[in-house]
Amino acid sequence: MIKASKVVFISSELEEDFNLLTAEDPIKKGMIRAINDLRENAFSGIQIPKRLFPKEYVQKYGINNLWKYDLPRGWRLLYTVTADNEVELISAILEWFDHKDYERKFGY
């Protein structure tokens, strides 16, 4: 199922962190690719089962779905898909981190 979406950052602080990355940074390049892919298809990542959701995301953002997009060098981008009043899909970027921090967040 291919569904286009608008891509947003969950907070202005997270967007600032993204904007502070240099254009040459491979993680930023990977995130730009991810953002473009999500604009074309909100479901281009890998869906994470609900039983694995970090409680922090459920409490802080009230998410009911969670997706992972693999970035270069073992980094991960996490996002949730929602809809606005106009039924436009929105992919909201929650966080990105390296594999070690990803495993810590999910308790692997």
Protein backbone atom coordinates (compact mmCIF):
# COMPACT_ATOMS: atom_id res chain seq x y z
CA MET A 1 0.00 0.00 0.00
CA ILE A 2 1.62 3.24 -1.13
CA LYS A 3 0.34 6.33 0.66
CA ALA A 4 1.98 9.73 0.29
CA SER A 5 2.45 11.76 3.44
CA LYS A 6 3.56 15.08 4.79
CA VAL A 7 6.72 14.69 6.92
CA VAL A 8 7.18 16.67 10.13
CA PHE A 9 9.42 16.55 13.18
CA ILE A 10 7.64 15.84 16.47
CA SER A 11 9.22 18.98 18.01
CA SER A 12 10.97 22.15 16.95
CA GLU A 13 14.01 21.04 19.02
CA LEU A 14 14.30 17.85 17.00
CA GLU A 15 14.02 19.81 13.76
CA GLU A 16 16.75 22.18 15.02
CA ASP A 17 19.01 19.20 15.76
CA PHE A 18 18.44 17.98 12.20
CA ASN A 19 19.20 21.42 10.75
CA LEU A 20 22.44 21.61 12.75
CA LEU A 21 23.81 18.52 11.01
CA THR A 22 26.22 19.42 8.20
CA ALA A 23 25.24 18.76 4.59
CA GLU A 24 28.15 16.31 4.31
CA ASP A 25 27.03 14.27 7.33
CA PRO A 26 26.06 10.76 6.09
CA ILE A 27 23.32 10.60 8.72
CA LYS A 28 21.75 13.83 7.43
CA LYS A 29 21.99 12.53 3.86
CA GLY A 30 20.29 9.32 4.97
CA MET A 31 17.59 11.29 6.78
CA ILE A 32 16.94 13.41 3.69
CA ARG A 33 16.54 10.18 1.70
CA ALA A 34 14.20 8.85 4.42
CA ILE A 35 12.12 12.05 4.39
CA ASN A 36 11.80 11.86 0.60
CA ASP A 37 10.82 8.17 0.80
CA LEU A 38 8.23 8.92 3.51
CA ARG A 39 6.76 11.74 1.42
CA GLU A 40 6.16 9.17 -1.33
CA ASN A 41 5.08 6.35 0.98
CA ALA A 42 4.41 6.78 4.69
CA PHE A 43 4.77 3.03 5.14
CA SER A 44 8.22 2.63 3.58
CA GLY A 45 9.79 1.77 6.94
CA ILE A 46 9.50 -1.39 9.01
CA GLN A 47 6.54 -1.53 11.40
CA ILE A 48 7.46 -2.22 15.02
CA PRO A 49 5.06 -4.49 16.97
CA LYS A 50 3.07 -2.71 19.69
CA ARG A 51 4.51 -4.94 22.42
CA LEU A 52 7.94 -3.46 21.66
CA PHE A 53 6.92 0.23 21.81
CA PRO A 54 9.02 2.15 24.34
CA LYS A 55 6.59 3.30 27.06
CA GLU A 56 8.12 6.77 26.80
CA TYR A 57 6.71 7.20 23.26
CA VAL A 58 3.24 6.05 24.25
CA GLN A 59 3.14 8.33 27.30
CA LYS A 60 4.77 11.36 25.70
CA TYR A 61 3.23 11.25 22.21
CA GLY A 62 0.22 8.93 22.56
CA ILE A 63 1.34 6.87 19.58
CA ASN A 64 -0.57 3.83 18.36
CA ASN A 65 1.91 2.84 15.63
CA LEU A 66 5.67 2.99 15.33
CA TRP A 67 7.92 2.59 12.32
CA LYS A 68 11.68 2.22 11.89
CA TYR A 69 13.67 3.44 8.90
CA ASP A 70 17.26 2.23 8.60
CA LEU A 71 19.85 4.96 8.10
CA PRO A 72 23.54 4.63 7.14
CA ARG A 73 26.10 3.29 9.63
CA GLY A 74 23.53 1.33 11.64
CA TRP A 75 21.56 4.42 12.69
CA ARG A 76 17.75 4.27 12.96
CA LEU A 77 15.01 6.82 12.45
CA LEU A 78 11.75 6.25 14.33
CA TYR A 79 8.46 7.74 13.23
CA THR A 80 4.73 7.39 13.66
CA VAL A 81 2.01 7.84 11.06
CA THR A 82 -1.10 9.85 11.82
CA ALA A 83 -3.69 11.89 9.92
CA ASP A 84 -4.86 15.46 10.24
CA ASN A 85 -8.44 16.73 9.96
CA GLU A 86 -8.20 16.74 6.17
CA VAL A 87 -7.26 13.03 6.23
CA GLU A 88 -3.79 13.82 4.96
CA LEU A 89 -1.26 11.31 6.26
CA ILE A 90 1.54 12.73 8.36
CA SER A 91 4.79 10.94 9.13
CA ALA A 92 6.07 12.43 12.40
CA ILE A 93 9.77 11.83 13.08
CA LEU A 94 10.22 11.00 16.77
CA GLU A 95 13.93 10.34 17.09
CA TRP A 96 17.05 9.04 15.43
CA PHE A 97 20.02 7.35 17.01
CA ASP A 98 22.83 4.86 16.49
CA HIS A 99 22.32 1.11 16.78
CA LYS A 100 23.66 0.96 20.35
CA ASP A 101 21.16 3.58 21.59
CA TYR A 102 18.40 1.89 19.54
CA GLU A 103 19.06 -1.42 21.28
CA ARG A 104 19.11 0.33 24.68
CA LYS A 105 15.78 2.09 23.95
CA PHE A 106 14.12 -1.20 22.98
CA GLY A 107 15.77 -3.29 25.68
CA TYR A 108 17.60 -5.69 23.34
